[in-house]
Each structure stands twice: as C-alpha cells, then as structure tokens.
C-alpha atoms as a PDB file:
ATOM      1  CA  MET A   1     -76.940 -98.901  -9.392  1.00  0.00           C
ATOM      2  CA  THR A   2     -79.481-101.095 -11.174  1.00  0.00           C
ATOM      3  CA  LEU A   3     -82.522-100.439  -8.966  1.00  0.00           C
ATOM      4  CA  THR A   4     -84.490 -97.180  -8.967  1.00  0.00           C
ATOM      5  CA  VAL A   5     -86.794 -96.422  -6.019  1.00  0.00           C
ATOM      6  CA  HIS A   6     -89.796 -94.110  -6.278  1.00  0.00           C
ATOM      7  CA  GLN A   7     -91.201 -93.180  -2.874  1.00  0.00           C
ATOM      8  CA  PHE A   8     -94.514 -91.455  -2.205  1.00  0.00           C
ATOM      9  CA  ALA A   9     -96.749 -90.703   0.766  1.00  0.00           C
ATOM     10  CA  CYS A  10    -100.171 -92.320   1.052  1.00  0.00           C
ATOM     11  CA  LEU A  11    -102.924 -93.012   3.581  1.00  0.00           C
ATOM     12  CA  SER A  12    -102.379 -91.082   6.824  1.00  0.00           C
ATOM     13  CA  ASP A  13     -98.730 -91.922   7.459  1.00  0.00           C
ATOM     14  CA  ASN A  14     -97.677 -94.712   5.065  1.00  0.00           C
ATOM     15  CA  TYR A  15     -95.039 -94.612   2.391  1.00  0.00           C
ATOM     16  CA  GLY A  16     -95.424 -96.456  -0.870  1.00  0.00           C
ATOM     17  CA  PHE A  17     -92.382 -97.716  -2.752  1.00  0.00           C
ATOM     18  CA  LEU A  18     -92.210 -98.548  -6.444  1.00  0.00           C
ATOM     19  CA  ILE A  19     -88.942-100.109  -7.547  1.00  0.00           C
ATOM     20  CA  ARG A  20     -87.650-100.645 -11.089  1.00  0.00           C
ATOM     21  CA  ASP A  21     -84.833-102.792 -12.402  1.00  0.00           C
ATOM     22  CA  GLU A  22     -83.207-100.487 -14.931  1.00  0.00           C
ATOM     23  CA  ALA A  23     -81.644-103.305 -16.927  1.00  0.00           C
ATOM     24  CA  THR A  24     -84.975-104.846 -17.872  1.00  0.00           C
ATOM     25  CA  GLY A  25     -87.686-102.341 -16.944  1.00  0.00           C
ATOM     26  CA  GLN A  26     -89.417-104.769 -14.600  1.00  0.00           C
ATOM     27  CA  ALA A  27     -91.091-102.956 -11.712  1.00  0.00           C
ATOM     28  CA  ALA A  28     -92.584-103.930  -8.363  1.00  0.00           C
ATOM     29  CA  CYS A  29     -94.417-102.302  -5.524  1.00  0.00           C
ATOM     30  CA  ILE A  30     -93.292-103.010  -1.992  1.00  0.00           C
ATOM     31  CA  ASP A  31     -96.615-103.723  -0.262  1.00  0.00           C
ATOM     32  CA  THR A  32     -99.937-102.263  -1.384  1.00  0.00           C
ATOM     33  CA  PRO A  33    -101.091 -99.693   1.166  1.00  0.00           C
ATOM     34  CA  ASP A  34    -103.244 -97.729  -1.290  1.00  0.00           C
ATOM     35  CA  ALA A  35    -104.143 -99.292  -4.626  1.00  0.00           C
ATOM     36  CA  GLU A  36    -105.462 -96.083  -6.159  1.00  0.00           C
ATOM     37  CA  ALA A  37    -102.325 -94.140  -5.261  1.00  0.00           C
ATOM     38  CA  ILE A  38    -100.028 -96.910  -6.492  1.00  0.00           C
ATOM     39  CA  LEU A  39    -101.774 -97.166  -9.856  1.00  0.00           C
ATOM     40  CA  ARG A  40    -101.711 -93.388 -10.209  1.00  0.00           C
ATOM     41  CA  GLU A  41     -97.987 -93.235  -9.483  1.00  0.00           C
ATOM     42  CA  LEU A  42     -97.318 -96.061 -11.933  1.00  0.00           C
ATOM     43  CA  ALA A  43     -99.196 -94.225 -14.656  1.00  0.00           C
ATOM     44  CA  GLY A  44     -97.271 -91.050 -13.977  1.00  0.00           C
ATOM     45  CA  LEU A  45     -93.950 -92.869 -14.194  1.00  0.00           C
ATOM     46  CA  GLY A  46     -94.922 -94.927 -17.214  1.00  0.00           C
ATOM     47  CA  TRP A  47     -93.729 -98.099 -15.495  1.00  0.00           C
ATOM     48  CA  THR A  48     -95.214-101.556 -16.082  1.00  0.00           C
ATOM     49  CA  LEU A  49     -95.774-103.429 -12.818  1.00  0.00           C
ATOM     50  CA  THR A  50     -94.665-107.060 -12.829  1.00  0.00           C
ATOM     51  CA  HIS A  51     -94.603-107.859  -9.099  1.00  0.00           C
ATOM     52  CA  ILE A  52     -96.162-107.056  -5.743  1.00  0.00           C
ATOM     53  CA  LEU A  53     -93.702-107.794  -2.929  1.00  0.00           C
ATOM     54  CA  ASN A  54     -95.531-108.050   0.391  1.00  0.00           C
ATOM     55  CA  THR A  55     -93.693-107.847   3.707  1.00  0.00           C
ATOM     56  CA  HIS A  56     -96.631-108.934   5.900  1.00  0.00           C
ATOM     57  CA  TRP A  57    -100.363-109.368   5.964  1.00  0.00           C
ATOM     58  CA  HIS A  58    -101.681-106.175   7.586  1.00  0.00           C
ATOM     59  CA  PRO A  59    -104.332-104.298   5.552  1.00  0.00           C
ATOM     60  CA  ASP A  60    -102.150-101.213   5.095  1.00  0.00           C
ATOM     61  CA  HIS A  61     -99.528-103.466   3.494  1.00  0.00           C
ATOM     62  CA  ALA A  62    -101.518-106.074   1.553  1.00  0.00           C
ATOM     63  CA  GLY A  63    -104.977-104.522   1.301  1.00  0.00           C
ATOM     64  CA  GLY A  64    -104.473-103.341  -2.264  1.00  0.00           C
ATOM     65  CA  ASN A  65    -103.243-106.667  -3.639  1.00  0.00           C
ATOM     66  CA  ALA A  66    -106.448-107.727  -5.371  1.00  0.00           C
ATOM     67  CA  ALA A  67    -107.143-104.393  -7.038  1.00  0.00           C
ATOM     68  CA  ILE A  68    -103.577-103.963  -8.288  1.00  0.00           C
ATOM     69  CA  LYS A  69    -103.311-107.540  -9.543  1.00  0.00           C
ATOM     70  CA  ALA A  70    -106.617-107.106 -11.384  1.00  0.00           C
ATOM     71  CA  ALA A  71    -105.385-103.892 -12.997  1.00  0.00           C
ATOM     72  CA  THR A  72    -101.896-105.071 -13.956  1.00  0.00           C
ATOM     73  CA  GLY A  73    -101.832-108.881 -13.996  1.00  0.00           C
ATOM     74  CA  CYS A  74     -98.712-108.801 -11.816  1.00  0.00           C
ATOM     75  CA  GLU A  75     -97.380-111.651  -9.687  1.00  0.00           C
ATOM     76  CA  VAL A  76     -98.002-111.400  -5.936  1.00  0.00           C
ATOM     77  CA  VAL A  77     -95.032-112.511  -3.822  1.00  0.00           C
ATOM     78  CA  GLY A  78     -95.022-112.664  -0.051  1.00  0.00           C
ATOM     79  CA  PRO A  79     -95.135-114.714   3.139  1.00  0.00           C
ATOM     80  CA  ALA A  80     -97.884-117.295   3.567  1.00  0.00           C
ATOM     81  CA  GLU A  81     -99.614-115.115   6.179  1.00  0.00           C
ATOM     82  CA  VAL A  82    -100.764-112.739   3.411  1.00  0.00           C
ATOM     83  CA  GLU A  83    -103.582-115.199   2.693  1.00  0.00           C
ATOM     84  CA  ARG A  84    -105.195-113.937   5.909  1.00  0.00           C
ATOM     85  CA  ILE A  85    -106.323-110.811   4.057  1.00  0.00           C
ATOM     86  CA  GLY A  86    -107.559-112.573   0.930  1.00  0.00           C
ATOM     87  CA  ALA A  87    -106.044-114.868  -1.645  1.00  0.00           C
ATOM     88  CA  ALA A  88    -102.700-116.495  -0.994  1.00  0.00           C
ATOM     89  CA  PRO A  89     -99.721-114.993  -2.833  1.00  0.00           C
ATOM     90  CA  ASP A  90     -98.932-116.444  -6.249  1.00  0.00           C
ATOM     91  CA  ARG A  91     -95.513-117.233  -4.826  1.00  0.00           C
ATOM     92  CA  ILE A  92     -94.954-117.848  -1.119  1.00  0.00           C
ATOM     93  CA  VAL A  93     -91.447-117.004   0.051  1.00  0.00           C
ATOM     94  CA  THR A  94     -89.562-117.690   3.267  1.00  0.00           C
ATOM     95  CA  ASP A  95     -86.182-116.906   4.781  1.00  0.00           C
ATOM     96  CA  GLY A  96     -83.304-117.385   2.335  1.00  0.00           C
ATOM     97  CA  ASP A  97     -85.423-117.392  -0.818  1.00  0.00           C
ATOM     98  CA  ILE A  98     -84.371-115.184  -3.717  1.00  0.00           C
ATOM     99  CA  VAL A  99     -86.755-113.014  -5.721  1.00  0.00           C
ATOM    100  CA  MET A 100     -85.447-111.793  -9.064  1.00  0.00           C
ATOM    101  CA  LEU A 101     -86.829-108.523 -10.368  1.00  0.00           C
ATOM    102  CA  GLY A 102     -85.259-108.528 -13.775  1.00  0.00           C
ATOM    103  CA  GLU A 103     -81.535-108.606 -12.979  1.00  0.00           C
ATOM    104  CA  THR A 104     -81.989-107.333  -9.413  1.00  0.00           C
ATOM    105  CA  ARG A 105     -81.525-110.009  -6.768  1.00  0.00           C
ATOM    106  CA  LEU A 106     -83.657-109.584  -3.652  1.00  0.00           C
ATOM    107  CA  GLU A 107     -82.920-111.831  -0.676  1.00  0.00           C
ATOM    108  CA  VAL A 108     -85.834-112.696   1.591  1.00  0.00           C
ATOM    109  CA  MET A 109     -85.019-112.320   5.282  1.00  0.00           C
ATOM    110  CA  ASP A 110     -87.174-113.570   8.137  1.00  0.00           C
ATOM    111  CA  THR A 111     -87.815-110.503  10.303  1.00  0.00           C
ATOM    112  CA  GLY A 112     -90.817-111.681  12.297  1.00  0.00           C
ATOM    113  CA  GLY A 113     -92.038-110.050  15.475  1.00  0.00           C
ATOM    114  CA  HIS A 114     -94.465-107.373  14.345  1.00  0.00           C
ATOM    115  CA  THR A 115     -96.287-110.297  12.749  1.00  0.00           C
ATOM    116  CA  LEU A 116     -95.078-113.862  12.968  1.00  0.00           C
ATOM    117  CA  GLY A 117     -94.279-114.189   9.272  1.00  0.00           C
ATOM    118  CA  HIS A 118     -92.975-110.684   8.516  1.00  0.00           C
ATOM    119  CA  ILE A 119     -90.165-110.598   5.936  1.00  0.00           C
ATOM    120  CA  THR A 120     -87.665-108.083   4.572  1.00  0.00           C
ATOM    121  CA  TYR A 121     -86.420-107.817   0.991  1.00  0.00           C
ATOM    122  CA  TYR A 122     -82.683-107.084   0.834  1.00  0.00           C
ATOM    123  CA  ASP A 123     -80.849-105.948  -2.292  1.00  0.00           C
ATOM    124  CA  ALA A 124     -77.186-106.446  -1.375  1.00  0.00           C
ATOM    125  CA  ALA A 125     -75.829-105.118  -4.666  1.00  0.00           C
ATOM    126  CA  ASP A 126     -77.616-101.783  -4.350  1.00  0.00           C
ATOM    127  CA  ARG A 127     -77.347-101.665  -0.528  1.00  0.00           C
ATOM    128  CA  MET A 128     -81.117-101.384   0.036  1.00  0.00           C
ATOM    129  CA  ALA A 129     -83.476-103.076   2.496  1.00  0.00           C
ATOM    130  CA  PHE A 130     -87.270-102.876   2.363  1.00  0.00           C
ATOM    131  CA  VAL A 131     -88.170-103.623   5.960  1.00  0.00           C
ATOM    132  CA  GLY A 132     -91.915-103.028   6.193  1.00  0.00           C
ATOM    133  CA  ASP A 133     -92.798-102.512   9.856  1.00  0.00           C
ATOM    134  CA  THR A 134     -89.848-104.294  11.476  1.00  0.00           C
ATOM    135  CA  LEU A 135     -87.457-101.349  11.779  1.00  0.00           C
ATOM    136  CA  PHE A 136     -88.413 -97.674  11.691  1.00  0.00           C
ATOM    137  CA  ALA A 137     -86.352 -94.520  11.829  1.00  0.00           C
ATOM    138  CA  LEU A 138     -85.683 -94.360  15.595  1.00  0.00           C
ATOM    139  CA  GLY A 139     -88.240 -97.101  16.164  1.00  0.00           C
ATOM    140  CA  CYS A 140     -89.473-100.619  15.542  1.00  0.00           C
ATOM    141  CA  GLY A 141     -92.842-102.246  14.998  1.00  0.00           C
ATOM    142  CA  ARG A 142     -95.196-103.136  17.823  1.00  0.00           C
ATOM    143  CA  LEU A 143     -95.213-106.778  18.811  1.00  0.00           C
ATOM    144  CA  PHE A 144     -98.724-107.603  17.666  1.00  0.00           C
ATOM    145  CA  GLU A 145     -97.941-111.301  17.272  1.00  0.00           C
ATOM    146  CA  GLY A 146     -94.316-112.042  18.070  1.00  0.00           C
ATOM    147  CA  THR A 147     -92.237-112.108  21.238  1.00  0.00           C
ATOM    148  CA  PRO A 148     -89.447-109.752  22.338  1.00  0.00           C
ATOM    149  CA  GLN A 149     -86.950-112.528  21.600  1.00  0.00           C
ATOM    150  CA  GLN A 150     -88.250-112.957  18.050  1.00  0.00           C
ATOM    151  CA  MET A 151     -88.185-109.235  17.347  1.00  0.00           C
ATOM    152  CA  TRP A 152     -84.756-108.759  18.904  1.00  0.00           C
ATOM    153  CA  THR A 153     -83.420-111.565  16.719  1.00  0.00           C
ATOM    154  CA  SER A 154     -84.952-109.904  13.659  1.00  0.00           C
ATOM    155  CA  LEU A 155     -83.506-106.509  14.526  1.00  0.00           C
ATOM    156  CA  GLN A 156     -80.076-108.063  14.986  1.00  0.00           C
ATOM    157  CA  ARG A 157     -80.307-109.640  11.538  1.00  0.00           C
ATOM    158  CA  LEU A 158     -80.779-106.155  10.130  1.00  0.00           C
ATOM    159  CA  ALA A 159     -78.164-104.579  12.381  1.00  0.00           C
ATOM    160  CA  VAL A 160     -75.374-106.754  10.961  1.00  0.00           C
ATOM    161  CA  LEU A 161     -76.001-105.530   7.420  1.00  0.00           C
ATOM    162  CA  PRO A 162     -73.459-102.995   6.124  1.00  0.00           C
ATOM    163  CA  GLU A 163     -73.897 -99.618   7.781  1.00  0.00           C
ATOM    164  CA  ASP A 164     -74.431 -97.842   4.458  1.00  0.00           C
ATOM    165  CA  VAL A 165     -77.484 -99.939   3.595  1.00  0.00           C
ATOM    166  CA  THR A 166     -80.456 -97.670   2.907  1.00  0.00           C
ATOM    167  CA  VAL A 167     -83.489 -98.701   4.962  1.00  0.00           C
ATOM    168  CA  TYR A 168     -86.925 -98.104   3.458  1.00  0.00           C
ATOM    169  CA  CYS A 169     -89.484 -98.355   6.256  1.00  0.00           C
ATOM    170  CA  ALA A 170     -93.190 -98.051   5.698  1.00  0.00           C
ATOM    171  CA  HIS A 171     -94.367 -95.236   7.992  1.00  0.00           C
ATOM    172  CA  GLU A 172     -93.599 -91.650   8.947  1.00  0.00           C
ATOM    173  CA  TYR A 173     -93.436 -92.218  12.694  1.00  0.00           C
ATOM    174  CA  THR A 174     -90.066 -90.597  13.258  1.00  0.00           C
ATOM    175  CA  ALA A 175     -91.003 -87.485  15.258  1.00  0.00           C
ATOM    176  CA  ALA A 176     -93.024 -89.538  17.737  1.00  0.00           C
ATOM    177  CA  ASN A 177     -90.228 -92.089  17.907  1.00  0.00           C
ATOM    178  CA  ALA A 178     -87.738 -89.293  18.590  1.00  0.00           C
ATOM    179  CA  ARG A 179     -89.780 -87.963  21.504  1.00  0.00           C
ATOM    180  CA  PHE A 180     -89.768 -91.398  23.092  1.00  0.00           C
ATOM    181  CA  ALA A 181     -86.086 -91.955  22.371  1.00  0.00           C
ATOM    182  CA  LEU A 182     -85.188 -88.713  24.135  1.00  0.00           C
ATOM    183  CA  SER A 183     -87.083 -89.903  27.200  1.00  0.00           C
ATOM    184  CA  VAL A 184     -84.845 -92.969  27.606  1.00  0.00           C
ATOM    185  CA  ASP A 185     -81.506 -91.960  26.074  1.00  0.00           C
ATOM    186  CA  ALA A 186     -79.384 -88.865  26.717  1.00  0.00           C
ATOM    187  CA  ASP A 187     -76.819 -89.602  24.010  1.00  0.00           C
ATOM    188  CA  PRO A 188     -75.678 -86.388  22.237  1.00  0.00           C
ATOM    189  CA  ALA A 189     -75.918 -88.016  18.807  1.00  0.00           C
ATOM    190  CA  LEU A 190     -79.573 -88.804  19.440  1.00  0.00           C
ATOM    191  CA  LYS A 191     -80.290 -85.252  20.594  1.00  0.00           C
ATOM    192  CA  ALA A 192     -78.696 -83.818  17.467  1.00  0.00           C
ATOM    193  CA  ARG A 193     -80.636 -86.201  15.234  1.00  0.00           C
ATOM    194  CA  ALA A 194     -83.911 -85.450  17.014  1.00  0.00           C
ATOM    195  CA  GLU A 195     -83.463 -81.732  16.440  1.00  0.00           C
ATOM    196  CA  GLN A 196     -82.940 -82.382  12.733  1.00  0.00           C
ATOM    197  CA  ILE A 197     -86.048 -84.576  12.633  1.00  0.00           C
ATOM    198  CA  PHE A 198     -88.280 -82.019  14.333  1.00  0.00           C
ATOM    199  CA  ALA A 199     -87.047 -79.324  11.948  1.00  0.00           C
ATOM    200  CA  ALA A 200     -87.610 -81.565   8.926  1.00  0.00           C
ATOM    201  CA  ARG A 201     -91.133 -82.435   9.936  1.00  0.00           C
ATOM    202  CA  LYS A 202     -91.934 -78.779  10.607  1.00  0.00           C
ATOM    203  CA  ARG A 203     -90.929 -78.103   7.006  1.00  0.00           C
ATOM    204  CA  GLY A 204     -93.037 -81.027   5.825  1.00  0.00           C
ATOM    205  CA  ASP A 205     -89.986 -83.043   4.755  1.00  0.00           C
ATOM    206  CA  TRP A 206     -89.803 -86.836   4.951  1.00  0.00           C
ATOM    207  CA  THR A 207     -87.493 -88.593   7.404  1.00  0.00           C
ATOM    208  CA  VAL A 208     -87.485 -91.876   5.478  1.00  0.00           C
ATOM    209  CA  PRO A 209     -85.327 -93.563   4.263  1.00  0.00           C
ATOM    210  CA  THR A 210     -82.702 -94.035   6.929  1.00  0.00           C
ATOM    211  CA  THR A 211     -79.551 -96.193   7.127  1.00  0.00           C
ATOM    212  CA  ILE A 212     -78.414 -99.140   9.185  1.00  0.00           C
ATOM    213  CA  GLY A 213     -75.515 -97.139  10.586  1.00  0.00           C
ATOM    214  CA  LEU A 214     -77.698 -94.247  11.696  1.00  0.00           C
ATOM    215  CA  GLU A 215     -80.139 -96.578  13.411  1.00  0.00           C
ATOM    216  CA  LYS A 216     -77.379 -98.509  15.187  1.00  0.00           C
ATOM    217  CA  ALA A 217     -76.021 -95.209  16.522  1.00  0.00           C
ATOM    218  CA  THR A 218     -79.280 -93.655  17.735  1.00  0.00           C
ATOM    219  CA  ASN A 219     -82.258 -96.061  17.684  1.00  0.00           C
ATOM    220  CA  PRO A 220     -83.219 -96.950  21.291  1.00  0.00           C
ATOM    221  CA  PHE A 221     -84.451-100.388  20.289  1.00  0.00           C
ATOM    222  CA  LEU A 222     -81.087-101.340  18.793  1.00  0.00           C
ATOM    223  CA  ARG A 223     -79.352 -99.708  21.780  1.00  0.00           C
ATOM    224  CA  ALA A 224     -81.583-101.408  24.360  1.00  0.00           C
ATOM    225  CA  PRO A 225     -78.815-103.382  26.141  1.00  0.00           C
ATOM    226  CA  LEU A 226     -76.900-100.119  26.667  1.00  0.00           C
ATOM    227  CA  LEU A 227     -80.000 -98.335  27.923  1.00  0.00           C
ATOM    228  CA  ARG A 228     -80.960-101.136  30.323  1.00  0.00           C
ATOM    229  CA  PRO A 229     -77.659-102.445  31.735  1.00  0.00           C
ATOM    230  CA  ASP A 230     -79.620-103.743  34.727  1.00  0.00           C
ATOM    231  CA  ILE A 231     -81.085-106.462  32.481  1.00  0.00           C
ATOM    232  CA  ALA A 232     -78.531-109.099  31.512  1.00  0.00           C
ATOM    233  CA  ASP A 233     -80.394-110.670  28.605  1.00  0.00           C
ATOM    234  CA  PRO A 234     -80.381-108.413  25.500  1.00  0.00           C
ATOM    235  CA  ALA A 235     -83.792-109.609  24.314  1.00  0.00           C
ATOM    236  CA  GLU A 236     -85.295-108.891  27.728  1.00  0.00           C
ATOM    237  CA  ALA A 237     -83.684-105.448  27.724  1.00  0.00           C
ATOM    238  CA  PHE A 238     -85.242-104.843  24.314  1.00  0.00           C
ATOM    239  CA  GLY A 239     -88.608-106.049  25.654  1.00  0.00           C
ATOM    240  CA  ALA A 240     -88.409-103.553  28.508  1.00  0.00           C
ATOM    241  CA  VAL A 241     -87.721-100.669  26.123  1.00  0.00           C
ATOM    242  CA  ARG A 242     -90.513-101.827  23.816  1.00  0.00           C
ATOM    243  CA  ALA A 243     -92.951-101.999  26.739  1.00  0.00           C
ATOM    244  CA  ALA A 244     -91.948 -98.480  27.767  1.00  0.00           C
ATOM    245  CA  LYS A 245     -92.694 -97.215  24.278  1.00  0.00           C
ATOM    246  CA  ASP A 246     -96.071 -98.937  24.264  1.00  0.00           C
ATOM    247  CA  SER A 247     -97.127 -96.974  27.353  1.00  0.00           C
ATOM    248  CA  PHE A 248     -95.347 -93.707  26.479  1.00  0.00           C
ATOM    249  CA  GLN A 249     -97.636 -90.674  26.466  1.00  0.00           C
ATOM    250  CA  GLY A 250     -95.237 -87.970  25.295  1.00  0.00           C
END
C-alpha cells in the first residue's frame, strides 16, 4: 500500500480524512470540514499538506478551504461548484480526470445527486474511495440538488467497483441509517449488521469506513429494486426508498 489514511472526528458528526503518499510524503485532506481540527491533526502527524481535495461545495466540506490554504499554501482541487462557497479551486476537475498525490493516482468520478457537481476520488491501486456525501454506511446523501435518476446512476458507478474497496464517507450517520433500513428490509444480513452497529455506537466506536461489498449486501438504497419490486424502473424504486427515508421518524 502506498497511501496512508488518518481519520478523525470533527464538528458534530463529520469525519476528516488526511491522506499521505508514502513514496513522496505528499499529503492531502479530503474536504475541509473543520480547519482548526485539520491543522491540529497535521501538526500532530508532522505531515506537510500539499493538496485539498474537495468532493462538493457544502460548508462542512469546503468551508475550511481558505484558512487551510492560507496556513499551508496547498493547492485546492475540486469541482467547479466549490466556488459557490468562496474562491474557485486552483484546479477544477471533472469526471475522468486524474489527480496525482505524489505517486498515488486518484481518479475523479462524477457522483452527482447530493449536489449537482459532487465527485468521488478513487484510488484503484489501494482499493480506496473517498465518496463525500454520495454513499454512506447503510445510507446515501439527500437529494438537495440532483434527481433520483442522477443519484441512482452515481450509486451504480460506485457499486460496480471491486467489493473489497474501502469506502470513506464523511459522516457518522450509520445508527440512524440502520433504524431506517430495518423499517424497509427484513434481510437477516441487515439485521445482523444493525446489531453490530448499535453495539459499536454504544461503545463510542466509529462505523466508518465501510466497503462496497458490505453496502451492496445491506444498504437499502443499493437494494432499492429488490425492496420495491412493484416499481419497474430501478431509479424510480430508489427514489421511492429515498423519499421514505426523508420522511422517516424512527
């Protein structure tokens, strides 16, 4: 493995991710939810930040860009929509672009739906995907800007990645997601996973990262066509499950 990931909790339920290419020492933060926390973690690790890699424009993902760039002089990389929260990225990337962090090759994937321009950074060599708010453990992002069809397409792009790909999502929403999932899916594998999640959270343990294989097996949003066989179109079935989650009170 050439890429090291340092994960830490910040804000009320965000995760921050610092990544380092071990061959060269170049380091990046995936999004900037909390500038103070990111700079503190960097100092503790002794890493030199060279890049910010934004997944989308929301303040809990790009709100720390200016402060971190001022402190480190790093390059800001992200979708064009990041300019909505301040200055445009130094480098605007779109689907299919490659970002090199030292010798680590990160492929940019269009995973819009939560926001229109949301992207994922995929490291095929190390089997890692930094998905922002597109895919969560047992969940997916709300459709603040995109359509069910757009989000379903994005989720399917992630679902075809190798099942052992580690998925780094940006929030600790898993217990709430599990309660909803249990309300729409009686699959034994989901029940077993939910019990593990509730126990982990009771202990104060994290439930992130997850894997593509685990999400394909238990995530109700990836299983939507199975859960809503009355709806022929998979994207519409996904939209129905997403709408149910939006109104869920459990």
